[in-house]
Amino acid sequence: MASTGLPLDGVRIIDQTLAWAGPFGTQILADWGAEVIRVEPIQFMQRVTRVPSIKPFKRGTSNWTNAYPDAIPGERHWNRNVMFQCHGRNKLSITSDIPDPDCMETYMRLVAISDVVMENNVPQTYDKIGVSYEVLRETRPDIILVRLPAYGLRGPYTSYRAMGPQMESPAGHTWIRGYRDGPVTDSGTTYLADAVGGV
């Protein structure tokens, strides 16, 4: 690992995050000098994380998550989405079908030389691929596992998927940020819960 002289120089992080909260968190860590390696699935493109939708938009749009340079998706649209351009900076990336035994072996070799694993899927997703904190510790006893599921690891909502707007309503943000006489939906399109969760 080349020295960066930044605060997290020498720290290696496996990034298995998606959407905005998790990738934003690992973006900050990469900006501070950590070597962040995204491990992404090969079966599908992660919506919002890499592409805005299954098919790239062919027209310009004011929705920033769907924007491409010059409003042109291009041949490699998965690398051109503005969302990915922001949170993917300073990161490395590999693709892997982790449940596959060969891929799992390679993944564990990466865990063995890493300091942190970070993910923000619903808990069932991470459990399905057969990677738990106990499994990671068998390979690297001092590994740090950071999990950011929207509604936590336990409780009645643990299986619910969510993004910023769904998190802000239960927290009361949409009520306090809106106008007294306006509808609760008039609170803007900046999803503070994603950014705050990532930080």
Protein backbone atom coordinates (compact mmCIF):
# COMPACT_ATOMS: atom_id res chain seq x y z
CA MET A 1 0.00 0.00 0.00
CA ALA A 2 1.48 3.35 -1.01
CA SER A 3 1.75 5.91 1.80
CA THR A 4 -0.71 8.78 1.55
CA GLY A 5 0.29 10.70 4.68
CA LEU A 6 -3.42 10.96 5.57
CA PRO A 7 -4.95 9.98 8.95
CA LEU A 8 -6.18 6.52 7.86
CA ASP A 9 -3.08 5.63 5.86
CA GLY A 10 -2.43 1.88 6.18
CA VAL A 11 -6.05 0.94 7.01
CA ARG A 12 -7.73 -1.42 4.52
CA ILE A 13 -11.54 -1.50 4.36
CA ILE A 14 -13.75 -3.97 2.49
CA ASP A 15 -16.74 -1.98 1.25
CA GLN A 16 -19.96 -3.95 0.68
CA THR A 17 -22.27 -0.99 0.99
CA LEU A 18 -24.99 0.21 -1.34
CA ALA A 19 -27.29 3.15 -2.10
CA TRP A 20 -25.98 6.27 -0.38
CA ALA A 21 -25.49 5.98 3.40
CA GLY A 22 -22.89 3.20 3.31
CA PRO A 23 -21.00 4.35 0.20
CA PHE A 24 -20.91 7.90 1.60
CA GLY A 25 -19.38 6.59 4.83
CA THR A 26 -16.67 4.65 3.00
CA GLN A 27 -16.13 7.64 0.69
CA ILE A 28 -15.15 9.72 3.73
CA LEU A 29 -12.83 6.97 4.97
CA ALA A 30 -11.21 6.76 1.51
CA ASP A 31 -10.82 10.54 1.45
CA TRP A 32 -8.98 10.25 4.78
CA GLY A 33 -6.48 7.83 3.25
CA ALA A 34 -7.92 4.36 3.90
CA GLU A 35 -7.57 1.81 1.12
CA VAL A 36 -11.22 1.06 0.39
CA ILE A 37 -11.95 -1.97 -1.79
CA ARG A 38 -15.53 -2.31 -3.01
CA VAL A 39 -16.68 -5.92 -3.35
CA GLU A 40 -19.65 -5.87 -5.70
CA PRO A 41 -21.97 -8.62 -6.94
CA ILE A 42 -21.64 -9.90 -10.49
CA GLN A 43 -25.25 -11.06 -10.88
CA PHE A 44 -26.76 -7.56 -11.05
CA MET A 45 -25.92 -3.87 -10.98
CA GLN A 46 -26.76 -2.29 -7.66
CA ARG A 47 -29.49 0.27 -8.24
CA VAL A 48 -28.63 3.79 -7.04
CA THR A 49 -25.11 2.64 -6.07
CA ARG A 50 -23.86 2.11 -9.63
CA VAL A 51 -26.81 2.83 -11.90
CA PRO A 52 -30.06 4.75 -11.43
CA SER A 53 -32.19 1.90 -12.78
CA ILE A 54 -31.89 -1.34 -14.68
CA LYS A 55 -31.91 0.55 -17.98
CA PRO A 56 -30.01 3.84 -18.11
CA PHE A 57 -31.99 6.98 -18.75
CA LYS A 58 -31.75 8.16 -22.35
CA ARG A 59 -32.81 11.73 -21.65
CA GLY A 60 -31.70 14.54 -19.42
CA THR A 61 -33.32 14.73 -16.01
CA SER A 62 -33.31 17.08 -13.06
CA ASN A 63 -33.12 14.18 -10.61
CA TRP A 64 -29.45 14.18 -9.59
CA THR A 65 -29.33 10.44 -8.89
CA ASN A 66 -30.11 9.75 -12.54
CA ALA A 67 -27.76 12.31 -14.12
CA TYR A 68 -24.95 11.41 -16.50
CA PRO A 69 -22.29 13.73 -17.93
CA ASP A 70 -23.91 15.64 -20.78
CA ALA A 71 -27.05 13.53 -20.08
CA ILE A 72 -25.45 10.67 -22.07
CA PRO A 73 -25.33 7.27 -20.32
CA GLY A 74 -22.56 5.99 -22.62
CA GLU A 75 -21.44 2.42 -23.20
CA ARG A 76 -20.20 1.93 -19.62
CA HIS A 77 -23.09 3.68 -17.90
CA TRP A 78 -22.42 1.87 -14.61
CA ASN A 79 -19.24 3.97 -14.23
CA ARG A 80 -20.79 7.27 -15.36
CA ASN A 81 -23.71 7.81 -12.99
CA VAL A 82 -23.09 10.95 -10.93
CA MET A 83 -23.94 9.13 -7.70
CA PHE A 84 -21.19 6.58 -8.32
CA GLN A 85 -18.77 9.28 -9.47
CA CYS A 86 -19.15 10.97 -6.09
CA HIS A 87 -18.99 8.06 -3.67
CA GLY A 88 -16.66 5.89 -5.77
CA ARG A 89 -13.74 8.28 -5.71
CA ASN A 90 -10.46 7.09 -4.17
CA LYS A 91 -11.78 3.49 -4.06
CA LEU A 92 -10.75 0.24 -5.68
CA SER A 93 -13.31 -2.31 -6.82
CA ILE A 94 -13.64 -6.02 -7.52
CA THR A 95 -16.62 -8.15 -8.50
CA SER A 96 -17.40 -11.39 -6.74
CA ASP A 97 -20.21 -13.91 -6.38
CA ILE A 98 -19.46 -14.47 -2.69
CA PRO A 99 -21.75 -17.46 -2.04
CA ASP A 100 -19.76 -19.37 -4.68
CA PRO A 101 -17.08 -21.46 -2.85
CA ASP A 102 -14.18 -20.21 -5.00
CA CYS A 103 -15.28 -16.60 -4.60
CA MET A 104 -15.75 -17.07 -0.86
CA GLU A 105 -12.20 -18.39 -0.56
CA THR A 106 -10.85 -15.33 -2.38
CA TYR A 107 -13.04 -13.05 -0.26
CA MET A 108 -11.70 -14.59 2.95
CA ARG A 109 -8.14 -14.08 1.72
CA LEU A 110 -9.03 -10.40 1.36
CA VAL A 111 -10.57 -10.38 4.85
CA ALA A 112 -7.32 -11.84 6.23
CA ILE A 113 -5.37 -8.76 5.10
CA SER A 114 -8.05 -6.16 5.88
CA ASP A 115 -8.91 -4.20 9.01
CA VAL A 116 -12.60 -3.39 8.53
CA VAL A 117 -15.62 -4.81 6.69
CA MET A 118 -18.48 -2.35 6.19
CA GLU A 119 -21.98 -3.15 4.88
CA ASN A 120 -25.47 -1.66 5.03
CA ASN A 121 -27.82 -4.31 3.63
CA VAL A 122 -30.84 -5.57 5.51
CA PRO A 123 -29.47 -8.14 7.98
CA GLN A 124 -30.99 -11.11 6.11
CA THR A 125 -29.02 -10.28 2.94
CA TYR A 126 -25.66 -10.43 4.65
CA ASP A 127 -26.63 -13.56 6.57
CA LYS A 128 -27.73 -15.32 3.36
CA ILE A 129 -24.28 -15.09 1.83
CA GLY A 130 -22.85 -16.93 4.84
CA VAL A 131 -20.68 -14.15 6.22
CA SER A 132 -21.24 -13.35 9.86
CA TYR A 133 -19.01 -11.60 12.38
CA GLU A 134 -18.09 -15.02 13.79
CA VAL A 135 -17.08 -16.29 10.33
CA LEU A 136 -15.00 -13.17 9.67
CA ARG A 137 -13.25 -13.55 13.05
CA GLU A 138 -12.20 -17.09 12.20
CA THR A 139 -10.13 -15.58 9.40
CA ARG A 140 -9.09 -12.34 11.11
CA PRO A 141 -9.69 -12.30 14.91
CA ASP A 142 -9.36 -8.52 15.23
CA ILE A 143 -11.55 -7.62 12.22
CA ILE A 144 -13.95 -4.72 12.74
CA LEU A 145 -17.42 -5.24 11.24
CA VAL A 146 -19.47 -2.08 10.69
CA ARG A 147 -23.12 -2.74 9.85
CA LEU A 148 -25.55 0.04 8.95
CA PRO A 149 -28.95 -1.55 8.26
CA ALA A 150 -31.68 1.11 8.17
CA TYR A 151 -33.71 -0.22 11.10
CA GLY A 152 -31.00 -2.01 13.05
CA LEU A 153 -30.08 -5.64 13.59
CA ARG A 154 -32.98 -6.50 15.92
CA GLY A 155 -36.56 -5.43 16.36
CA PRO A 156 -39.86 -5.46 14.46
CA TYR A 157 -38.60 -3.46 11.44
CA THR A 158 -35.26 -5.20 10.92
CA SER A 159 -36.31 -6.74 7.60
CA TYR A 160 -37.50 -3.42 6.13
CA ARG A 161 -35.40 -1.78 3.44
CA ALA A 162 -35.18 2.00 3.54
CA MET A 163 -33.46 5.06 2.17
CA GLY A 164 -33.21 8.57 3.58
CA PRO A 165 -36.86 9.62 3.16
CA GLN A 166 -38.14 6.50 4.93
CA MET A 167 -35.73 7.10 7.82
CA GLU A 168 -36.50 10.80 8.18
CA SER A 169 -40.25 10.37 8.65
CA PRO A 170 -40.05 8.14 11.77
CA ALA A 171 -37.32 10.43 13.13
CA GLY A 172 -39.55 13.50 12.70
CA HIS A 173 -37.22 15.32 10.28
CA THR A 174 -39.90 15.78 7.62
CA TRP A 175 -42.15 17.47 10.16
CA ILE A 176 -39.60 19.92 11.60
CA ARG A 177 -38.04 20.83 8.23
CA GLY A 178 -41.28 21.59 6.41
CA TYR A 179 -43.52 24.63 6.48
CA ARG A 180 -46.18 24.85 9.19
CA ASP A 181 -49.07 25.15 6.72
CA GLY A 182 -47.60 22.94 3.98
CA PRO A 183 -47.73 19.20 3.38
CA VAL A 184 -45.14 17.03 5.09
CA THR A 185 -43.72 16.08 1.68
CA ASP A 186 -42.52 19.67 1.05
CA SER A 187 -39.26 19.20 2.89
CA GLY A 188 -36.84 19.16 -0.01
CA THR A 189 -34.93 16.41 -1.77
CA THR A 190 -31.78 16.39 0.36
CA TYR A 191 -31.92 13.12 2.23
CA LEU A 192 -30.15 14.03 5.44
CA ALA A 193 -30.62 10.59 7.01
CA ASP A 194 -28.41 8.97 4.37
CA ALA A 195 -25.59 11.45 4.85
CA VAL A 196 -25.84 11.44 8.64
CA GLY A 197 -25.98 7.64 8.69
CA GLY A 198 -22.86 7.45 6.53
CA VAL A 199 -20.95 9.88 8.70
